[in-house]
Structures are given as C-alpha cells and as structure tokens.
Amino acid sequence: SLREITIIGRIEDDGTIVVEDRKFRPHEEVKFREWIKELRTYGVQGTPQGKPIWGLSLKQFEELFAALASPVDESFVGKPLKLAVREMKLPESFPLHIDESARVVLDEKIEVGVISEVQGLSHGVALAILLKEQGLGFYPRRTPEGVIELGIASREERDDVWPTGWPPQGNQFDIIPELTTLTNLETVDQPLEDFMKRIEGIVQLPILYDRYAMENDKIDTGNCTVNLPSRRMTWITGLRTALFKNRLRPEIVTDEGGRPYLWVTSEKIKPLLPIPME
C-alpha cells in the first residue's frame, strides 16, 4: 500500500530549509536528497538519527558493542585513512556504509597519513579516533532489511557519532593509581610532548590526542611548553596544570573492552566524564 508523509518546515531568508532540528543549506543538495531517500525508505519507522543508542534495541546495541570490543592488532600510523579503515578487520557482520559527505573527505585527503597509534585499543574507539583526525565519525545505521551498518559521515553533518572513549566503571584513580603519587615536578620550559612522555611512562597507558579539536583551536603541541613550580604535587595535578596552560585538558576513558587510556582534548570540548580532584 502507498504511504503518505507530510513534511512541515520553513525556508529562511538565506535559502536554508529548516525541518524540526535539521537544517539544509542551499549547497547541501546531496544531504537533502539522502534525507528524502531515508524518509521514503523508512517512513514512520524512522532511522537511527538522533535516537538513544542510534535507534537500536538494547540487544542490538550490546551485540554491536561486543563486536567492536576486540583489540586492533596492528599499527596504521602513516597509512592513508581509507587504507587503514579497510585493513582494520572490522566485524563483517556490521558492513560499512560511507556517506557522500565522508567520501568527499576521504578522496580529498587520500595522501594524508594516520597520526594516532591505536594498536591495542578496541576496534570501536580505534575507528572513532582515526576518523576524527580528518573530521569524520561513524554511527550505527539500520537498513530496511534490518541489517546494522556502520555509517561513516562528516562531523559537520552529524553530531551523534560513536565516541572516542567511554566513562570508566568505578573510581578513575583506582584505574590509574599512579596519577595520585606525590612527587616534585619542577619543570622549566619543558616541551609539552616531552612532559607527556614522562606521564606515559608513569601510568604505562596510551595517551591519545584529539587532533581534530586541537587543529580547530590552532593548538600545536610541538610549540607548547610546561612550567611547574618547585613543590610536591600529584601527577594528575601536574598534568592538569600543564595541559590547562596550553588550552587542553585530560580525560580518563576506556575502550569497549574496558582498557583504559588518557584522552587529551581541547578545553572547549565538553567532558565525557571530568577527572575528579584527588
């Protein structure tokens, strides 16, 4: 039987089409056509967009989460993102779907190599971190046949993408107790990257950087320095101070497999779960 859908929206003075919480600018014809296609396909069933756990049932989400929890067993540093995604050995039961917005970015940056070392992290956050380097993200999308795909899209088009880390279970300092150790961290004009290597050696965990946010805020860690007074303080206090003075902040997060790591992002980004004061 035929199904009729009524769309109510408005056209602003600059030609932007506004429908509920969606906006389509005059140059976003492809994006608008994709949305219309989704409406024709899904109708009142809807798509995963903007819904808790992307419109999946709890069972579907748990199956996806578990499938993405296995660790990545190789390094992709220096490889083009397109090649890295292809070689990542993502679960075959969740095929990839590259949105037009992401395809353009991947084609334009075909020579740009991956920066972040994600070997040992789970496939979910590893994919999220590598995609974010180039302003992309992935999200679960349901096809009319009920298949769950991993859609890759531009972050300018979607803000409901898979996170680059998950809140840890329990007390954060129980996960990385070394951060509460008291020591004298006196430092004068030490390059931030060298200071972070000291931190990495202490906590014995990976430190990953939000390259996309840092680039947007014009933060170059190669030009950042650290100055700390001559007094005893915990490593977490020193870390916070060093990063804050360079417009950055740390987060303790875990991957889908529960493996912890430190995520360094811009101070402007809303915390996933702020590190408590020790």
C-alpha atoms as a PDB file:
ATOM      1  CA  SER A   1       0.000   0.000   0.000  1.00  0.00           C
ATOM      2  CA  LEU A   2       1.054   3.605  -0.510  1.00  0.00           C
ATOM      3  CA  ARG A   3       2.217   5.658   2.435  1.00  0.00           C
ATOM      4  CA  GLU A   4       1.872   9.410   2.662  1.00  0.00           C
ATOM      5  CA  ILE A   5       4.319  11.510   4.659  1.00  0.00           C
ATOM      6  CA  THR A   6       3.772  15.205   5.335  1.00  0.00           C
ATOM      7  CA  ILE A   7       6.886  17.319   5.916  1.00  0.00           C
ATOM      8  CA  ILE A   8       6.449  20.636   7.699  1.00  0.00           C
ATOM      9  CA  GLY A   9       9.327  23.115   7.645  1.00  0.00           C
ATOM     10  CA  ARG A  10      10.337  26.609   6.655  1.00  0.00           C
ATOM     11  CA  ILE A  11      12.736  28.339   4.285  1.00  0.00           C
ATOM     12  CA  GLU A  12      14.882  31.056   5.864  1.00  0.00           C
ATOM     13  CA  ASP A  13      15.975  34.260   4.108  1.00  0.00           C
ATOM     14  CA  ASP A  14      19.313  32.743   3.077  1.00  0.00           C
ATOM     15  CA  GLY A  15      17.602  29.769   1.433  1.00  0.00           C
ATOM     16  CA  THR A  16      18.221  27.325   4.289  1.00  0.00           C
ATOM     17  CA  ILE A  17      15.489  24.692   4.698  1.00  0.00           C
ATOM     18  CA  VAL A  18      14.664  24.042   8.373  1.00  0.00           C
ATOM     19  CA  VAL A  19      12.710  20.928   9.373  1.00  0.00           C
ATOM     20  CA  GLU A  20      12.475  20.348  13.145  1.00  0.00           C
ATOM     21  CA  ASP A  21      16.106  20.009  14.299  1.00  0.00           C
ATOM     22  CA  ARG A  22      17.548  19.633  10.790  1.00  0.00           C
ATOM     23  CA  LYS A  23      18.963  22.312   8.523  1.00  0.00           C
ATOM     24  CA  PHE A  24      19.783  22.040   4.835  1.00  0.00           C
ATOM     25  CA  ARG A  25      21.752  24.927   3.318  1.00  0.00           C
ATOM     26  CA  PRO A  26      21.405  25.811  -0.387  1.00  0.00           C
ATOM     27  CA  HIS A  27      24.637  23.988  -1.300  1.00  0.00           C
ATOM     28  CA  GLU A  28      23.665  20.800   0.586  1.00  0.00           C
ATOM     29  CA  GLU A  29      21.517  19.266  -2.141  1.00  0.00           C
ATOM     30  CA  VAL A  30      23.111  15.811  -1.744  1.00  0.00           C
ATOM     31  CA  LYS A  31      22.455  15.831   2.008  1.00  0.00           C
ATOM     32  CA  PHE A  32      18.817  16.851   1.429  1.00  0.00           C
ATOM     33  CA  ARG A  33      18.306  14.134  -1.196  1.00  0.00           C
ATOM     34  CA  GLU A  34      19.766  11.493   1.168  1.00  0.00           C
ATOM     35  CA  TRP A  35      17.313  12.560   3.881  1.00  0.00           C
ATOM     36  CA  ILE A  36      14.344  12.393   1.492  1.00  0.00           C
ATOM     37  CA  LYS A  37      15.522   8.946   0.397  1.00  0.00           C
ATOM     38  CA  GLU A  38      15.613   7.820   4.047  1.00  0.00           C
ATOM     39  CA  LEU A  39      12.064   9.081   4.577  1.00  0.00           C
ATOM     40  CA  ARG A  40      10.845   7.154   1.550  1.00  0.00           C
ATOM     41  CA  THR A  41      12.660   4.035   2.725  1.00  0.00           C
ATOM     42  CA  TYR A  42      11.918   4.020   6.463  1.00  0.00           C
ATOM     43  CA  GLY A  43       8.796   6.126   6.781  1.00  0.00           C
ATOM     44  CA  VAL A  44       7.391   6.249  10.297  1.00  0.00           C
ATOM     45  CA  GLN A  45       9.797   3.500  11.362  1.00  0.00           C
ATOM     46  CA  GLY A  46      12.497   6.131  11.337  1.00  0.00           C
ATOM     47  CA  THR A  47      16.270   5.918  11.109  1.00  0.00           C
ATOM     48  CA  PRO A  48      18.831   5.793  13.917  1.00  0.00           C
ATOM     49  CA  GLN A  49      19.407   9.549  13.719  1.00  0.00           C
ATOM     50  CA  GLY A  50      19.043  11.432  16.957  1.00  0.00           C
ATOM     51  CA  LYS A  51      17.666   8.497  18.970  1.00  0.00           C
ATOM     52  CA  PRO A  52      19.125   6.849  22.095  1.00  0.00           C
ATOM     53  CA  ILE A  53      21.737   4.256  21.050  1.00  0.00           C
ATOM     54  CA  TRP A  54      21.028   5.173  17.437  1.00  0.00           C
ATOM     55  CA  GLY A  55      17.564   3.656  17.291  1.00  0.00           C
ATOM     56  CA  LEU A  56      18.856   0.166  18.043  1.00  0.00           C
ATOM     57  CA  SER A  57      17.255  -2.163  20.523  1.00  0.00           C
ATOM     58  CA  LEU A  58      19.293  -2.824  23.649  1.00  0.00           C
ATOM     59  CA  LYS A  59      20.113  -6.298  22.342  1.00  0.00           C
ATOM     60  CA  GLN A  60      21.305  -4.908  19.006  1.00  0.00           C
ATOM     61  CA  PHE A  61      23.441  -2.291  20.720  1.00  0.00           C
ATOM     62  CA  GLU A  62      25.019  -4.817  23.086  1.00  0.00           C
ATOM     63  CA  GLU A  63      25.840  -7.122  20.171  1.00  0.00           C
ATOM     64  CA  LEU A  64      27.472  -4.258  18.280  1.00  0.00           C
ATOM     65  CA  PHE A  65      29.340  -3.041  21.361  1.00  0.00           C
ATOM     66  CA  ALA A  66      30.709  -6.539  21.999  1.00  0.00           C
ATOM     67  CA  ALA A  67      31.712  -6.973  18.354  1.00  0.00           C
ATOM     68  CA  LEU A  68      33.720  -3.729  18.477  1.00  0.00           C
ATOM     69  CA  ALA A  69      35.466  -4.632  21.754  1.00  0.00           C
ATOM     70  CA  SER A  70      38.200  -6.830  20.280  1.00  0.00           C
ATOM     71  CA  PRO A  71      41.624  -5.118  20.131  1.00  0.00           C
ATOM     72  CA  VAL A  72      43.297  -3.870  16.964  1.00  0.00           C
ATOM     73  CA  ASP A  73      46.381  -5.993  16.372  1.00  0.00           C
ATOM     74  CA  GLU A  74      48.406  -3.725  14.086  1.00  0.00           C
ATOM     75  CA  SER A  75      49.580  -0.138  13.685  1.00  0.00           C
ATOM     76  CA  PHE A  76      48.245   2.155  10.974  1.00  0.00           C
ATOM     77  CA  VAL A  77      50.462   5.182  11.638  1.00  0.00           C
ATOM     78  CA  GLY A  78      51.440   6.824   8.366  1.00  0.00           C
ATOM     79  CA  LYS A  79      48.905   4.928   6.273  1.00  0.00           C
ATOM     80  CA  PRO A  80      46.114   6.771   4.418  1.00  0.00           C
ATOM     81  CA  LEU A  81      42.893   6.704   6.434  1.00  0.00           C
ATOM     82  CA  LYS A  82      40.998   4.965   3.642  1.00  0.00           C
ATOM     83  CA  LEU A  83      43.543   2.120   3.671  1.00  0.00           C
ATOM     84  CA  ALA A  84      43.630   1.963   7.479  1.00  0.00           C
ATOM     85  CA  VAL A  85      39.852   1.530   7.668  1.00  0.00           C
ATOM     86  CA  ARG A  86      39.995  -1.188   5.018  1.00  0.00           C
ATOM     87  CA  GLU A  87      42.758  -3.078   6.872  1.00  0.00           C
ATOM     88  CA  MET A  88      41.312  -2.705  10.365  1.00  0.00           C
ATOM     89  CA  LYS A  89      39.453  -6.037  10.205  1.00  0.00           C
ATOM     90  CA  LEU A  90      36.148  -4.627  11.385  1.00  0.00           C
ATOM     91  CA  PRO A  91      33.434  -7.215  12.152  1.00  0.00           C
ATOM     92  CA  GLU A  92      31.959  -8.468   8.872  1.00  0.00           C
ATOM     93  CA  SER A  93      28.509  -8.702  10.442  1.00  0.00           C
ATOM     94  CA  PHE A  94      28.391  -4.871  10.500  1.00  0.00           C
ATOM     95  CA  PRO A  95      29.273  -3.687   6.970  1.00  0.00           C
ATOM     96  CA  LEU A  96      30.499  -0.167   6.265  1.00  0.00           C
ATOM     97  CA  HIS A  97      28.416   2.485   4.522  1.00  0.00           C
ATOM     98  CA  ILE A  98      30.287   5.655   3.535  1.00  0.00           C
ATOM     99  CA  ASP A  99      28.058   8.730   3.335  1.00  0.00           C
ATOM    100  CA  GLU A 100      28.648  11.178   0.497  1.00  0.00           C
ATOM    101  CA  SER A 101      29.974  13.777   2.962  1.00  0.00           C
ATOM    102  CA  ALA A 102      32.661  11.347   4.147  1.00  0.00           C
ATOM    103  CA  ARG A 103      33.513  10.090   0.666  1.00  0.00           C
ATOM    104  CA  VAL A 104      34.468  13.615  -0.377  1.00  0.00           C
ATOM    105  CA  VAL A 105      36.823  13.998   2.607  1.00  0.00           C
ATOM    106  CA  LEU A 106      38.438  10.585   2.100  1.00  0.00           C
ATOM    107  CA  ASP A 107      39.067  11.320  -1.571  1.00  0.00           C
ATOM    108  CA  GLU A 108      40.452  14.800  -0.896  1.00  0.00           C
ATOM    109  CA  LYS A 109      42.836  13.561   1.823  1.00  0.00           C
ATOM    110  CA  ILE A 110      43.923  10.334   0.164  1.00  0.00           C
ATOM    111  CA  GLU A 111      47.607  11.175   0.790  1.00  0.00           C
ATOM    112  CA  VAL A 112      47.164  12.192   4.456  1.00  0.00           C
ATOM    113  CA  GLY A 113      48.577   9.562   6.811  1.00  0.00           C
ATOM    114  CA  VAL A 114      47.149   8.438  10.141  1.00  0.00           C
ATOM    115  CA  ILE A 115      48.797  10.069  13.190  1.00  0.00           C
ATOM    116  CA  SER A 116      47.327   8.268  16.213  1.00  0.00           C
ATOM    117  CA  GLU A 117      48.661   4.922  17.423  1.00  0.00           C
ATOM    118  CA  VAL A 118      45.600   2.799  18.134  1.00  0.00           C
ATOM    119  CA  GLN A 119      47.219  -0.633  18.201  1.00  0.00           C
ATOM    120  CA  GLY A 120      45.930  -2.500  21.259  1.00  0.00           C
ATOM    121  CA  LEU A 121      42.752  -0.432  21.575  1.00  0.00           C
ATOM    122  CA  SER A 122      39.367  -1.883  20.670  1.00  0.00           C
ATOM    123  CA  HIS A 123      38.026  -1.578  17.141  1.00  0.00           C
ATOM    124  CA  GLY A 124      35.241   0.817  18.162  1.00  0.00           C
ATOM    125  CA  VAL A 125      37.265   3.640  19.695  1.00  0.00           C
ATOM    126  CA  ALA A 126      40.189   2.970  17.335  1.00  0.00           C
ATOM    127  CA  LEU A 127      37.949   3.612  14.340  1.00  0.00           C
ATOM    128  CA  ALA A 128      36.379   6.649  16.045  1.00  0.00           C
ATOM    129  CA  ILE A 129      39.793   8.172  16.851  1.00  0.00           C
ATOM    130  CA  LEU A 130      41.239   7.660  13.371  1.00  0.00           C
ATOM    131  CA  LEU A 131      38.130   9.007  11.654  1.00  0.00           C
ATOM    132  CA  LYS A 132      38.053  12.066  13.903  1.00  0.00           C
ATOM    133  CA  GLU A 133      41.564  13.030  12.806  1.00  0.00           C
ATOM    134  CA  GLN A 134      40.018  14.012   9.468  1.00  0.00           C
ATOM    135  CA  GLY A 135      36.745  15.379  10.830  1.00  0.00           C
ATOM    136  CA  LEU A 136      34.781  12.172  10.325  1.00  0.00           C
ATOM    137  CA  GLY A 137      32.896   9.786  12.590  1.00  0.00           C
ATOM    138  CA  PHE A 138      30.869   6.605  12.409  1.00  0.00           C
ATOM    139  CA  TYR A 139      27.399   5.701  13.622  1.00  0.00           C
ATOM    140  CA  PRO A 140      25.199   2.583  13.557  1.00  0.00           C
ATOM    141  CA  ARG A 141      22.515   2.748  10.863  1.00  0.00           C
ATOM    142  CA  ARG A 142      19.683   0.308  10.302  1.00  0.00           C
ATOM    143  CA  THR A 143      18.740  -0.751   6.775  1.00  0.00           C
ATOM    144  CA  PRO A 144      15.136  -1.570   5.784  1.00  0.00           C
ATOM    145  CA  GLU A 145      16.134  -5.244   5.837  1.00  0.00           C
ATOM    146  CA  GLY A 146      17.154  -4.922   9.483  1.00  0.00           C
ATOM    147  CA  VAL A 147      20.916  -5.072   8.852  1.00  0.00           C
ATOM    148  CA  ILE A 148      23.019  -2.849  11.119  1.00  0.00           C
ATOM    149  CA  GLU A 149      25.684  -0.973   9.166  1.00  0.00           C
ATOM    150  CA  LEU A 150      28.490   1.307  10.333  1.00  0.00           C
ATOM    151  CA  GLY A 151      27.857   4.588   8.569  1.00  0.00           C
ATOM    152  CA  ILE A 152      30.818   6.940   8.114  1.00  0.00           C
ATOM    153  CA  ALA A 153      29.965  10.636   7.860  1.00  0.00           C
ATOM    154  CA  SER A 154      31.420  14.105   8.251  1.00  0.00           C
ATOM    155  CA  ARG A 155      31.201  15.515  11.774  1.00  0.00           C
ATOM    156  CA  GLU A 156      29.836  18.699  10.230  1.00  0.00           C
ATOM    157  CA  GLU A 157      26.858  16.673   9.031  1.00  0.00           C
ATOM    158  CA  ARG A 158      26.276  14.568  12.167  1.00  0.00           C
ATOM    159  CA  ASP A 159      26.961  15.083  15.857  1.00  0.00           C
ATOM    160  CA  ASP A 160      25.655  11.702  17.038  1.00  0.00           C
ATOM    161  CA  VAL A 161      28.744   9.715  16.078  1.00  0.00           C
ATOM    162  CA  TRP A 162      30.399   6.921  18.093  1.00  0.00           C
ATOM    163  CA  PRO A 163      32.517   8.343  20.962  1.00  0.00           C
ATOM    164  CA  THR A 164      36.317   8.281  21.162  1.00  0.00           C
ATOM    165  CA  GLY A 165      36.085   6.809  24.665  1.00  0.00           C
ATOM    166  CA  TRP A 166      33.637   5.599  27.317  1.00  0.00           C
ATOM    167  CA  PRO A 167      33.288   6.517  31.014  1.00  0.00           C
ATOM    168  CA  PRO A 168      35.235   4.041  33.165  1.00  0.00           C
ATOM    169  CA  GLN A 169      33.450   1.865  35.685  1.00  0.00           C
ATOM    170  CA  GLY A 170      34.236   2.787  39.295  1.00  0.00           C
ATOM    171  CA  ASN A 171      36.735   5.295  40.660  1.00  0.00           C
ATOM    172  CA  GLN A 172      39.016   6.699  37.969  1.00  0.00           C
ATOM    173  CA  PHE A 173      42.027   6.757  40.284  1.00  0.00           C
ATOM    174  CA  ASP A 174      41.553   3.058  41.024  1.00  0.00           C
ATOM    175  CA  ILE A 175      42.190   2.525  37.317  1.00  0.00           C
ATOM    176  CA  ILE A 176      45.323   4.697  37.209  1.00  0.00           C
ATOM    177  CA  PRO A 177      46.502   4.997  40.852  1.00  0.00           C
ATOM    178  CA  GLU A 178      49.923   6.263  39.723  1.00  0.00           C
ATOM    179  CA  LEU A 179      48.352   9.639  38.960  1.00  0.00           C
ATOM    180  CA  THR A 180      47.845  10.296  42.683  1.00  0.00           C
ATOM    181  CA  THR A 181      51.527   9.734  43.565  1.00  0.00           C
ATOM    182  CA  LEU A 182      53.202  12.763  45.144  1.00  0.00           C
ATOM    183  CA  THR A 183      56.458  13.935  43.583  1.00  0.00           C
ATOM    184  CA  ASN A 184      58.435  17.085  42.777  1.00  0.00           C
ATOM    185  CA  LEU A 185      57.536  18.026  39.225  1.00  0.00           C
ATOM    186  CA  GLU A 186      59.557  21.236  38.923  1.00  0.00           C
ATOM    187  CA  THR A 187      59.795  21.940  35.215  1.00  0.00           C
ATOM    188  CA  VAL A 188      61.063  24.980  33.314  1.00  0.00           C
ATOM    189  CA  ASP A 189      60.153  25.448  29.659  1.00  0.00           C
ATOM    190  CA  GLN A 190      59.972  21.716  29.037  1.00  0.00           C
ATOM    191  CA  PRO A 191      58.324  20.846  25.707  1.00  0.00           C
ATOM    192  CA  LEU A 192      54.806  19.576  26.377  1.00  0.00           C
ATOM    193  CA  GLU A 193      55.405  16.499  24.239  1.00  0.00           C
ATOM    194  CA  ASP A 194      58.394  15.523  26.423  1.00  0.00           C
ATOM    195  CA  PHE A 195      56.353  16.078  29.588  1.00  0.00           C
ATOM    196  CA  MET A 196      53.571  13.876  28.222  1.00  0.00           C
ATOM    197  CA  LYS A 197      56.101  11.123  27.522  1.00  0.00           C
ATOM    198  CA  ARG A 198      57.042  11.285  31.226  1.00  0.00           C
ATOM    199  CA  ILE A 199      53.363  10.892  32.125  1.00  0.00           C
ATOM    200  CA  GLU A 200      53.001   7.979  29.711  1.00  0.00           C
ATOM    201  CA  GLY A 201      55.980   6.273  31.326  1.00  0.00           C
ATOM    202  CA  ILE A 202      54.455   6.692  34.779  1.00  0.00           C
ATOM    203  CA  VAL A 203      50.934   5.465  34.022  1.00  0.00           C
ATOM    204  CA  GLN A 204      52.032   2.815  31.488  1.00  0.00           C
ATOM    205  CA  LEU A 205      48.962   3.541  29.394  1.00  0.00           C
ATOM    206  CA  PRO A 206      48.430   5.039  25.940  1.00  0.00           C
ATOM    207  CA  ILE A 207      47.893   8.782  25.617  1.00  0.00           C
ATOM    208  CA  LEU A 208      45.748   9.737  22.623  1.00  0.00           C
ATOM    209  CA  TYR A 209      45.158  13.265  21.313  1.00  0.00           C
ATOM    210  CA  ASP A 210      42.041  14.861  19.880  1.00  0.00           C
ATOM    211  CA  ARG A 211      43.832  16.059  16.733  1.00  0.00           C
ATOM    212  CA  TYR A 212      40.649  17.381  15.148  1.00  0.00           C
ATOM    213  CA  ALA A 213      39.721  19.626  18.095  1.00  0.00           C
ATOM    214  CA  MET A 214      43.318  20.781  18.515  1.00  0.00           C
ATOM    215  CA  GLU A 215      43.597  21.706  14.849  1.00  0.00           C
ATOM    216  CA  ASN A 216      40.312  23.623  15.011  1.00  0.00           C
ATOM    217  CA  ASP A 217      41.593  25.557  18.039  1.00  0.00           C
ATOM    218  CA  LYS A 218      45.027  26.044  16.436  1.00  0.00           C
ATOM    219  CA  ILE A 219      46.859  24.167  19.206  1.00  0.00           C
ATOM    220  CA  ASP A 220      50.217  22.719  18.133  1.00  0.00           C
ATOM    221  CA  THR A 221      51.734  20.565  20.879  1.00  0.00           C
ATOM    222  CA  GLY A 222      55.107  20.965  19.179  1.00  0.00           C
ATOM    223  CA  ASN A 223      55.068  24.634  20.209  1.00  0.00           C
ATOM    224  CA  CYS A 224      53.686  24.114  23.738  1.00  0.00           C
ATOM    225  CA  THR A 225      55.846  24.220  26.870  1.00  0.00           C
ATOM    226  CA  VAL A 226      55.383  23.302  30.528  1.00  0.00           C
ATOM    227  CA  ASN A 227      56.401  25.301  33.608  1.00  0.00           C
ATOM    228  CA  LEU A 228      55.711  23.855  37.057  1.00  0.00           C
ATOM    229  CA  PRO A 229      56.873  25.237  40.440  1.00  0.00           C
ATOM    230  CA  SER A 230      59.336  23.502  42.746  1.00  0.00           C
ATOM    231  CA  ARG A 231      56.928  21.794  45.139  1.00  0.00           C
ATOM    232  CA  ARG A 232      55.443  18.374  45.708  1.00  0.00           C
ATOM    233  CA  MET A 233      52.259  17.639  43.805  1.00  0.00           C
ATOM    234  CA  THR A 234      50.478  14.638  42.346  1.00  0.00           C
ATOM    235  CA  TRP A 235      50.997  13.664  38.744  1.00  0.00           C
ATOM    236  CA  ILE A 236      47.362  14.412  37.971  1.00  0.00           C
ATOM    237  CA  THR A 237      47.708  17.955  39.353  1.00  0.00           C
ATOM    238  CA  GLY A 238      50.820  18.498  37.273  1.00  0.00           C
ATOM    239  CA  LEU A 239      49.122  17.025  34.216  1.00  0.00           C
ATOM    240  CA  ARG A 240      46.047  19.214  34.605  1.00  0.00           C
ATOM    241  CA  THR A 241      48.151  22.331  35.130  1.00  0.00           C
ATOM    242  CA  ALA A 242      50.429  21.630  32.183  1.00  0.00           C
ATOM    243  CA  LEU A 243      47.546  20.975  29.811  1.00  0.00           C
ATOM    244  CA  PHE A 244      45.315  23.793  31.085  1.00  0.00           C
ATOM    245  CA  LYS A 245      48.018  26.382  30.427  1.00  0.00           C
ATOM    246  CA  ASN A 246      48.085  25.149  26.843  1.00  0.00           C
ATOM    247  CA  ARG A 247      44.264  25.219  26.459  1.00  0.00           C
ATOM    248  CA  LEU A 248      43.977  21.455  26.792  1.00  0.00           C
ATOM    249  CA  ARG A 249      42.574  19.037  29.359  1.00  0.00           C
ATOM    250  CA  PRO A 250      42.846  15.298  30.132  1.00  0.00           C
ATOM    251  CA  GLU A 251      40.185  12.618  30.420  1.00  0.00           C
ATOM    252  CA  ILE A 252      40.485   9.077  31.752  1.00  0.00           C
ATOM    253  CA  VAL A 253      38.414   6.890  29.440  1.00  0.00           C
ATOM    254  CA  THR A 254      38.124   3.233  28.433  1.00  0.00           C
ATOM    255  CA  ASP A 255      37.517   1.422  25.176  1.00  0.00           C
ATOM    256  CA  GLU A 256      34.718  -1.077  24.545  1.00  0.00           C
ATOM    257  CA  GLY A 257      36.844  -3.817  26.086  1.00  0.00           C
ATOM    258  CA  GLY A 258      37.375  -1.851  29.307  1.00  0.00           C
ATOM    259  CA  ARG A 259      41.006  -0.944  28.510  1.00  0.00           C
ATOM    260  CA  PRO A 260      41.840   2.499  29.982  1.00  0.00           C
ATOM    261  CA  TYR A 261      43.804   5.290  28.322  1.00  0.00           C
ATOM    262  CA  LEU A 262      44.265   9.042  28.610  1.00  0.00           C
ATOM    263  CA  TRP A 263      42.466  11.236  26.106  1.00  0.00           C
ATOM    264  CA  VAL A 264      43.785  14.782  25.650  1.00  0.00           C
ATOM    265  CA  THR A 265      41.414  17.250  24.045  1.00  0.00           C
ATOM    266  CA  SER A 266      40.683  20.964  23.795  1.00  0.00           C
ATOM    267  CA  GLU A 267      39.439  22.706  26.929  1.00  0.00           C
ATOM    268  CA  LYS A 268      36.426  23.817  24.860  1.00  0.00           C
ATOM    269  CA  ILE A 269      35.146  20.262  24.371  1.00  0.00           C
ATOM    270  CA  LYS A 270      32.502  19.179  26.876  1.00  0.00           C
ATOM    271  CA  PRO A 271      33.967  16.488  29.180  1.00  0.00           C
ATOM    272  CA  LEU A 272      32.747  12.934  28.782  1.00  0.00           C
ATOM    273  CA  LEU A 273      33.464  12.461  32.466  1.00  0.00           C
ATOM    274  CA  PRO A 274      35.686  15.039  34.224  1.00  0.00           C
ATOM    275  CA  ILE A 275      38.633  13.704  36.218  1.00  0.00           C
ATOM    276  CA  PRO A 276      37.761  14.341  39.891  1.00  0.00           C
ATOM    277  CA  MET A 277      40.068  16.234  42.219  1.00  0.00           C
ATOM    278  CA  GLU A 278      42.216  13.764  44.119  1.00  0.00           C
END
